[in-house]
C-alpha atoms as a PDB file:
ATOM      1  CA  MET A   1      20.343  34.091 -35.560  1.00  0.00           C
ATOM      2  CA  LYS A   2      17.128  35.025 -33.813  1.00  0.00           C
ATOM      3  CA  ALA A   3      15.285  35.251 -37.143  1.00  0.00           C
ATOM      4  CA  ILE A   4      16.535  31.781 -38.144  1.00  0.00           C
ATOM      5  CA  LEU A   5      15.237  30.248 -34.925  1.00  0.00           C
ATOM      6  CA  ILE A   6      11.889  32.003 -35.216  1.00  0.00           C
ATOM      7  CA  ALA A   7      11.462  30.838 -38.802  1.00  0.00           C
ATOM      8  CA  ALA A   8      12.596  27.310 -37.867  1.00  0.00           C
ATOM      9  CA  SER A   9       9.954  27.112 -35.145  1.00  0.00           C
ATOM     10  CA  VAL A  10       7.317  27.955 -37.750  1.00  0.00           C
ATOM     11  CA  ILE A  11       8.675  25.562 -40.382  1.00  0.00           C
ATOM     12  CA  ALA A  12       9.334  22.548 -38.077  1.00  0.00           C
ATOM     13  CA  PRO A  13       5.674  21.492 -37.667  1.00  0.00           C
ATOM     14  CA  LEU A  14       5.258  21.677 -41.435  1.00  0.00           C
ATOM     15  CA  VAL A  15       8.296  19.440 -41.888  1.00  0.00           C
ATOM     16  CA  VAL A  16       6.859  16.922 -39.417  1.00  0.00           C
ATOM     17  CA  GLY A  17       3.623  16.883 -41.426  1.00  0.00           C
ATOM     18  CA  VAL A  18       5.411  16.452 -44.748  1.00  0.00           C
ATOM     19  CA  THR A  19       7.571  13.692 -43.261  1.00  0.00           C
ATOM     20  CA  GLY A  20       4.439  11.971 -41.991  1.00  0.00           C
ATOM     21  CA  LEU A  21       3.090  11.920 -45.535  1.00  0.00           C
ATOM     22  CA  ILE A  22       6.376  10.699 -46.979  1.00  0.00           C
ATOM     23  CA  LYS A  23       6.702   8.059 -44.264  1.00  0.00           C
ATOM     24  CA  THR A  24       3.636   6.258 -45.616  1.00  0.00           C
ATOM     25  CA  GLN A  25       5.382   5.812 -48.982  1.00  0.00           C
ATOM     26  CA  VAL A  26       8.912   4.925 -47.814  1.00  0.00           C
ATOM     27  CA  LYS A  27       9.848   1.509 -46.431  1.00  0.00           C
ATOM     28  CA  ASN A  28      13.372   2.425 -45.277  1.00  0.00           C
ATOM     29  CA  TYR A  29      13.077   4.716 -42.259  1.00  0.00           C
ATOM     30  CA  ASP A  30      16.851   5.207 -42.102  1.00  0.00           C
ATOM     31  CA  ILE A  31      16.642   7.939 -44.728  1.00  0.00           C
ATOM     32  CA  LEU A  32      13.965   9.967 -42.903  1.00  0.00           C
ATOM     33  CA  PRO A  33      16.431  12.403 -41.258  1.00  0.00           C
ATOM     34  CA  VAL A  34      17.839  13.257 -44.686  1.00  0.00           C
ATOM     35  CA  ILE A  35      14.316  13.662 -46.045  1.00  0.00           C
ATOM     36  CA  ASN A  36      13.521  15.938 -43.067  1.00  0.00           C
ATOM     37  CA  VAL A  37      16.442  18.240 -43.804  1.00  0.00           C
ATOM     38  CA  ILE A  38      15.688  18.373 -47.537  1.00  0.00           C
ATOM     39  CA  ALA A  39      11.983  18.993 -46.883  1.00  0.00           C
ATOM     40  CA  GLY A  40      12.889  21.703 -44.368  1.00  0.00           C
ATOM     41  CA  ILE A  41      15.155  23.488 -46.825  1.00  0.00           C
ATOM     42  CA  LEU A  42      12.526  23.279 -49.561  1.00  0.00           C
ATOM     43  CA  LEU A  43       9.787  24.580 -47.263  1.00  0.00           C
ATOM     44  CA  GLY A  44      12.069  27.392 -46.075  1.00  0.00           C
ATOM     45  CA  VAL A  45      12.843  28.399 -49.652  1.00  0.00           C
ATOM     46  CA  LEU A  46       9.158  28.231 -50.617  1.00  0.00           C
ATOM     47  CA  PHE A  47       8.280  30.391 -47.615  1.00  0.00           C
ATOM     48  CA  ALA A  48      10.940  32.927 -48.575  1.00  0.00           C
ATOM     49  CA  LEU A  49       9.828  32.991 -52.199  1.00  0.00           C
ATOM     50  CA  SER A  50       6.238  33.544 -51.102  1.00  0.00           C
ATOM     51  CA  PHE A  51       6.780  36.329 -48.595  1.00  0.00           C
ATOM     52  CA  VAL A  52      10.321  37.722 -48.340  1.00  0.00           C
ATOM     53  CA  GLN A  53      12.444  37.129 -51.438  1.00  0.00           C
ATOM     54  CA  GLU A  54      15.432  39.066 -50.104  1.00  0.00           C
ATOM     55  CA  ASP A  55      15.933  36.620 -47.195  1.00  0.00           C
ATOM     56  CA  LEU A  56      16.094  33.421 -49.255  1.00  0.00           C
ATOM     57  CA  VAL A  57      19.350  32.146 -47.712  1.00  0.00           C
ATOM     58  CA  LEU A  58      18.144  32.931 -44.196  1.00  0.00           C
ATOM     59  CA  TYR A  59      14.989  30.879 -44.664  1.00  0.00           C
ATOM     60  CA  ALA A  60      16.920  28.043 -46.329  1.00  0.00           C
ATOM     61  CA  TRP A  61      19.084  27.841 -43.191  1.00  0.00           C
ATOM     62  CA  ALA A  62      15.969  28.025 -41.036  1.00  0.00           C
ATOM     63  CA  GLY A  63      14.515  25.156 -43.049  1.00  0.00           C
ATOM     64  CA  ALA A  64      17.642  23.081 -42.469  1.00  0.00           C
ATOM     65  CA  VAL A  65      17.446  23.744 -38.727  1.00  0.00           C
ATOM     66  CA  ALA A  66      13.734  22.899 -38.789  1.00  0.00           C
ATOM     67  CA  GLY A  67      14.493  19.637 -40.614  1.00  0.00           C
ATOM     68  CA  LEU A  68      17.060  18.658 -38.010  1.00  0.00           C
ATOM     69  CA  ALA A  69      14.653  19.568 -35.217  1.00  0.00           C
ATOM     70  CA  ALA A  70      11.859  17.621 -36.884  1.00  0.00           C
ATOM     71  CA  SER A  71      14.003  14.510 -37.189  1.00  0.00           C
ATOM     72  CA  GLY A  72      14.785  14.691 -33.484  1.00  0.00           C
ATOM     73  CA  LEU A  73      11.103  15.235 -32.768  1.00  0.00           C
ATOM     74  CA  PHE A  74      10.215  12.235 -34.935  1.00  0.00           C
ATOM     75  CA  ASP A  75      12.771  10.041 -33.144  1.00  0.00           C
ATOM     76  CA  LEU A  76      11.495  11.183 -29.761  1.00  0.00           C
ATOM     77  CA  GLY A  77       7.895  10.479 -30.709  1.00  0.00           C
ATOM     78  CA  SER A  78       8.672   7.056 -32.131  1.00  0.00           C
ATOM     79  CA  SER A  79      10.695   6.086 -29.052  1.00  0.00           C
ATOM     80  CA  VAL A  80       7.794   7.050 -26.783  1.00  0.00           C
ATOM     81  CA  ILE A  81       5.218   5.208 -28.895  1.00  0.00           C
ATOM     82  CA  ASN A  82       7.366   2.106 -29.463  1.00  0.00           C
ATOM     83  CA  HIS A  83       8.560   1.828 -25.869  1.00  0.00           C
ATOM     84  CA  ASP A  84      10.500  -1.388 -25.269  1.00  0.00           C
ATOM     85  CA  GLU A  85       8.945  -3.490 -22.495  1.00  0.00           C
ATOM     86  CA  HIS A  86      12.254  -5.193 -21.778  1.00  0.00           C
ATOM     87  CA  PRO A  87      14.975  -2.639 -21.101  1.00  0.00           C
ATOM     88  CA  PRO A  88      18.468  -3.622 -22.218  1.00  0.00           C
ATOM     89  CA  ASP A  89      20.724  -5.471 -19.786  1.00  0.00           C
ATOM     90  CA  TYR A  90      23.919  -3.501 -19.317  1.00  0.00           C
ATOM     91  CA  GLY A  91      25.762  -6.380 -17.676  1.00  0.00           C
ATOM     92  CA  ASP A  92      25.859  -4.981 -14.157  1.00  0.00           C
ATOM     93  CA  GLY A  93      23.780  -7.844 -12.731  1.00  0.00           C
ATOM     94  CA  GLN A  94      21.107  -5.522 -11.366  1.00  0.00           C
ATOM     95  CA  SER A  95      18.404  -6.830 -13.698  1.00  0.00           C
ATOM     96  CA  GLU A  96      18.895 -10.415 -12.534  1.00  0.00           C
ATOM     97  CA  THR A  97      18.869  -9.343  -8.886  1.00  0.00           C
ATOM     98  CA  GLU A  98      15.616  -7.454  -9.355  1.00  0.00           C
ATOM     99  CA  LYS A  99      14.001 -10.394 -11.144  1.00  0.00           C
ATOM    100  CA  THR A 100      15.043 -12.861  -8.446  1.00  0.00           C
ATOM    101  CA  ILE A 101      13.972 -10.707  -5.482  1.00  0.00           C
ATOM    102  CA  TYR A 102      10.637  -9.597  -6.926  1.00  0.00           C
ATOM    103  CA  GLN A 103       9.695 -13.037  -8.263  1.00  0.00           C
ATOM    104  CA  HIS A 104      10.321 -14.614  -4.857  1.00  0.00           C
ATOM    105  CA  LYS A 105       8.348 -11.869  -3.100  1.00  0.00           C
ATOM    106  CA  ASP A 106       5.371 -12.373  -5.452  1.00  0.00           C
ATOM    107  CA  GLN A 107       5.461 -16.139  -4.954  1.00  0.00           C
ATOM    108  CA  ASP A 108       5.656 -15.811  -1.145  1.00  0.00           C
ATOM    109  CA  GLN A 109       2.700 -13.412  -1.060  1.00  0.00           C
ATOM    110  CA  SER A 110       0.570 -15.688  -3.234  1.00  0.00           C
ATOM    111  CA  LYS A 111       1.121 -18.625  -0.861  1.00  0.00           C
ATOM    112  CA  GLY A 112       0.187 -16.921   2.328  1.00  0.00           C
END
């Protein structure tokens, strides 16, 4: 298990790079997690074939883990970059209360 995680930590940045290249060609971003996993498995197999042929299955699993980690990393990065300025209203009324109080405070301070 330790070897899989070590290999996945090496493969994950490569998967993010490959996904970045593929992302420029694909219009539908919903399939990117699947592409991440497939790219991770392929990179893991290529790594195993290049260096340690006897651990092919181990590096394929590491590639799958790296693909899953890269898709989470991609989602995290895109959520930070595309931060929504208007947070969702969960229906508890707090957002309306904050708007009313702070708008009245700003208006009162601008008058006086």
